[in-house]
Amino acid sequence: MTEGETHGVLIYLARGAATVRASGKTIGQCEAGTYLGEMTVL
């Protein structure tokens, strides 16, 4: 996913990790078991 883009999907991170960045700065970390994307998909 890229900042500023619209996605109509919800992604479940089953394993591994993902770094969350905004404006080039790291603002968080997502671990296995978390969701990424648009929660209104549900």
PDB file of N, CA and C in Angstrom:
ATOM      1  N   MET A   1       0.841  -1.158   0.000  1.00  0.00           N
ATOM      2  CA  MET A   1       0.000   0.000   0.000  1.00  0.00           C
ATOM      3  C   MET A   1       0.893   1.229   0.000  1.00  0.00           C
ATOM      4  N   THR A   2       0.402   2.281  -0.611  1.00  0.00           N
ATOM      5  CA  THR A   2       1.156   3.524  -0.689  1.00  0.00           C
ATOM      6  C   THR A   2       0.306   4.661  -0.125  1.00  0.00           C
ATOM      7  N   GLU A   3       0.927   5.500   0.659  1.00  0.00           N
ATOM      8  CA  GLU A   3       0.241   6.643   1.266  1.00  0.00           C
ATOM      9  C   GLU A   3      -0.466   7.464   0.198  1.00  0.00           C
ATOM     10  N   GLY A   4      -1.722   7.807   0.471  1.00  0.00           N
ATOM     11  CA  GLY A   4      -2.491   8.653  -0.427  1.00  0.00           C
ATOM     12  C   GLY A   4      -3.301   7.903  -1.468  1.00  0.00           C
ATOM     13  N   GLU A   5      -3.033   6.623  -1.654  1.00  0.00           N
ATOM     14  CA  GLU A   5      -3.800   5.824  -2.606  1.00  0.00           C
ATOM     15  C   GLU A   5      -5.029   5.240  -1.919  1.00  0.00           C
ATOM     16  N   THR A   6      -6.102   5.085  -2.677  1.00  0.00           N
ATOM     17  CA  THR A   6      -7.323   4.496  -2.160  1.00  0.00           C
ATOM     18  C   THR A   6      -7.366   3.023  -2.548  1.00  0.00           C
ATOM     19  N   HIS A   7      -7.663   2.174  -1.566  1.00  0.00           N
ATOM     20  CA  HIS A   7      -7.786   0.737  -1.800  1.00  0.00           C
ATOM     21  C   HIS A   7      -9.124   0.276  -1.265  1.00  0.00           C
ATOM     22  N   GLY A   8      -9.805  -0.555  -2.007  1.00  0.00           N
ATOM     23  CA  GLY A   8     -11.083  -1.090  -1.553  1.00  0.00           C
ATOM     24  C   GLY A   8     -10.933  -2.484  -0.988  1.00  0.00           C
ATOM     25  N   VAL A   9      -9.784  -2.749  -0.393  1.00  0.00           N
ATOM     26  CA  VAL A   9      -9.532  -4.082   0.139  1.00  0.00           C
ATOM     27  C   VAL A   9      -9.110  -4.000   1.598  1.00  0.00           C
ATOM     28  N   LEU A  10      -9.267  -5.122   2.253  1.00  0.00           N
ATOM     29  CA  LEU A  10      -8.802  -5.271   3.627  1.00  0.00           C
ATOM     30  C   LEU A  10      -7.800  -6.420   3.613  1.00  0.00           C
ATOM     31  N   ILE A  11      -6.611  -6.197   4.133  1.00  0.00           N
ATOM     32  CA  ILE A  11      -5.557  -7.202   4.120  1.00  0.00           C
ATOM     33  C   ILE A  11      -5.323  -7.693   5.541  1.00  0.00           C
ATOM     34  N   TYR A  12      -5.257  -9.012   5.689  1.00  0.00           N
ATOM     35  CA  TYR A  12      -4.932  -9.624   6.967  1.00  0.00           C
ATOM     36  C   TYR A  12      -3.479 -10.072   6.907  1.00  0.00           C
ATOM     37  N   LEU A  13      -2.679  -9.585   7.818  1.00  0.00           N
ATOM     38  CA  LEU A  13      -1.262  -9.935   7.872  1.00  0.00           C
ATOM     39  C   LEU A  13      -1.129 -11.202   8.715  1.00  0.00           C
ATOM     40  N   ALA A  14      -1.051 -12.346   8.030  1.00  0.00           N
ATOM     41  CA  ALA A  14      -1.047 -13.641   8.724  1.00  0.00           C
ATOM     42  C   ALA A  14       0.292 -13.953   9.383  1.00  0.00           C
ATOM     43  N   ARG A  15       1.385 -13.531   8.763  1.00  0.00           N
ATOM     44  CA  ARG A  15       2.698 -13.771   9.357  1.00  0.00           C
ATOM     45  C   ARG A  15       3.650 -12.677   8.902  1.00  0.00           C
ATOM     46  N   GLY A  16       4.721 -12.512   9.629  1.00  0.00           N
ATOM     47  CA  GLY A  16       5.686 -11.467   9.313  1.00  0.00           C
ATOM     48  C   GLY A  16       5.317 -10.149   9.969  1.00  0.00           C
ATOM     49  N   ALA A  17       5.801  -9.073   9.379  1.00  0.00           N
ATOM     50  CA  ALA A  17       5.559  -7.737   9.923  1.00  0.00           C
ATOM     51  C   ALA A  17       5.590  -6.722   8.792  1.00  0.00           C
ATOM     52  N   ALA A  18       5.011  -5.564   9.049  1.00  0.00           N
ATOM     53  CA  ALA A  18       5.006  -4.477   8.071  1.00  0.00           C
ATOM     54  C   ALA A  18       5.305  -3.172   8.800  1.00  0.00           C
ATOM     55  N   THR A  19       6.103  -2.336   8.187  1.00  0.00           N
ATOM     56  CA  THR A  19       6.419  -1.029   8.740  1.00  0.00           C
ATOM     57  C   THR A  19       5.436  -0.012   8.177  1.00  0.00           C
ATOM     58  N   VAL A  20       4.910   0.846   9.045  1.00  0.00           N
ATOM     59  CA  VAL A  20       3.964   1.886   8.634  1.00  0.00           C
ATOM     60  C   VAL A  20       4.714   3.204   8.566  1.00  0.00           C
ATOM     61  N   ARG A  21       4.673   3.847   7.403  1.00  0.00           N
ATOM     62  CA  ARG A  21       5.369   5.126   7.217  1.00  0.00           C
ATOM     63  C   ARG A  21       4.403   6.172   6.675  1.00  0.00           C
ATOM     64  N   ALA A  22       4.594   7.396   7.109  1.00  0.00           N
ATOM     65  CA  ALA A  22       3.830   8.540   6.612  1.00  0.00           C
ATOM     66  C   ALA A  22       4.799   9.691   6.413  1.00  0.00           C
ATOM     67  N   SER A  23       4.726  10.296   5.272  1.00  0.00           N
ATOM     68  CA  SER A  23       5.612  11.411   4.931  1.00  0.00           C
ATOM     69  C   SER A  23       7.079  11.033   5.120  1.00  0.00           C
ATOM     70  N   GLY A  24       7.415   9.781   4.799  1.00  0.00           N
ATOM     71  CA  GLY A  24       8.796   9.320   4.883  1.00  0.00           C
ATOM     72  C   GLY A  24       9.289   8.948   6.265  1.00  0.00           C
ATOM     73  N   LYS A  25       8.423   9.075   7.274  1.00  0.00           N
ATOM     74  CA  LYS A  25       8.820   8.753   8.650  1.00  0.00           C
ATOM     75  C   LYS A  25       8.110   7.491   9.121  1.00  0.00           C
ATOM     76  N   THR A  26       8.828   6.645   9.829  1.00  0.00           N
ATOM     77  CA  THR A  26       8.226   5.453  10.408  1.00  0.00           C
ATOM     78  C   THR A  26       7.351   5.859  11.580  1.00  0.00           C
ATOM     79  N   ILE A  27       6.065   5.447  11.522  1.00  0.00           N
ATOM     80  CA  ILE A  27       5.132   5.824  12.588  1.00  0.00           C
ATOM     81  C   ILE A  27       4.555   4.616  13.314  1.00  0.00           C
ATOM     82  N   GLY A  28       4.867   3.418  12.821  1.00  0.00           N
ATOM     83  CA  GLY A  28       4.339   2.238  13.495  1.00  0.00           C
ATOM     84  C   GLY A  28       4.823   0.952  12.868  1.00  0.00           C
ATOM     85  N   GLN A  29       4.406  -0.141  13.493  1.00  0.00           N
ATOM     86  CA  GLN A  29       4.768  -1.473  13.039  1.00  0.00           C
ATOM     87  C   GLN A  29       3.532  -2.346  13.181  1.00  0.00           C
ATOM     88  N   CYS A  30       3.210  -3.114  12.163  1.00  0.00           N
ATOM     89  CA  CYS A  30       2.103  -4.064  12.222  1.00  0.00           C
ATOM     90  C   CYS A  30       2.683  -5.464  12.297  1.00  0.00           C
ATOM     91  N   GLU A  31       2.218  -6.225  13.247  1.00  0.00           N
ATOM     92  CA  GLU A  31       2.693  -7.591  13.448  1.00  0.00           C
ATOM     93  C   GLU A  31       1.658  -8.570  12.902  1.00  0.00           C
ATOM     94  N   ALA A  32       2.039  -9.823  12.820  1.00  0.00           N
ATOM     95  CA  ALA A  32       1.117 -10.871  12.376  1.00  0.00           C
ATOM     96  C   ALA A  32      -0.161 -10.823  13.197  1.00  0.00           C
ATOM     97  N   GLY A  33      -1.294 -11.023  12.532  1.00  0.00           N
ATOM     98  CA  GLY A  33      -2.589 -11.003  13.207  1.00  0.00           C
ATOM     99  C   GLY A  33      -3.301  -9.670  13.126  1.00  0.00           C
ATOM    100  N   THR A  34      -2.731  -8.702  12.413  1.00  0.00           N
ATOM    101  CA  THR A  34      -3.378  -7.402  12.292  1.00  0.00           C
ATOM    102  C   THR A  34      -3.956  -7.210  10.888  1.00  0.00           C
ATOM    103  N   TYR A  35      -4.829  -6.226  10.764  1.00  0.00           N
ATOM    104  CA  TYR A  35      -5.460  -5.905   9.492  1.00  0.00           C
ATOM    105  C   TYR A  35      -4.886  -4.604   8.957  1.00  0.00           C
ATOM    106  N   LEU A  36      -4.770  -4.525   7.644  1.00  0.00           N
ATOM    107  CA  LEU A  36      -4.307  -3.315   6.962  1.00  0.00           C
ATOM    108  C   LEU A  36      -5.346  -2.961   5.904  1.00  0.00           C
ATOM    109  N   GLY A  37      -5.635  -1.708   5.769  1.00  0.00           N
ATOM    110  CA  GLY A  37      -6.541  -1.294   4.710  1.00  0.00           C
ATOM    111  C   GLY A  37      -7.795  -0.621   5.242  1.00  0.00           C
ATOM    112  N   GLU A  38      -8.794  -0.638   4.419  1.00  0.00           N
ATOM    113  CA  GLU A  38     -10.036   0.080   4.683  1.00  0.00           C
ATOM    114  C   GLU A  38     -10.999  -0.784   5.498  1.00  0.00           C
ATOM    115  N   MET A  39     -11.213  -0.408   6.729  1.00  0.00           N
ATOM    116  CA  MET A  39     -12.095  -1.201   7.603  1.00  0.00           C
ATOM    117  C   MET A  39     -13.551  -1.142   7.173  1.00  0.00           C
ATOM    118  N   THR A  40     -13.956  -0.160   6.369  1.00  0.00           N
ATOM    119  CA  THR A  40     -15.358  -0.091   5.938  1.00  0.00           C
ATOM    120  C   THR A  40     -15.680  -1.186   4.925  1.00  0.00           C
ATOM    121  N   VAL A  41     -14.677  -1.939   4.457  1.00  0.00           N
ATOM    122  CA  VAL A  41     -14.932  -3.075   3.566  1.00  0.00           C
ATOM    123  C   VAL A  41     -15.809  -4.095   4.270  1.00  0.00           C
ATOM    124  N   LEU A  42     -15.624  -4.212   5.585  1.00  0.00           N
ATOM    125  CA  LEU A  42     -16.416  -5.179   6.347  1.00  0.00           C
ATOM    126  C   LEU A  42     -17.858  -4.747   6.414  1.00  0.00           C
TER     127      LEU A  42
END
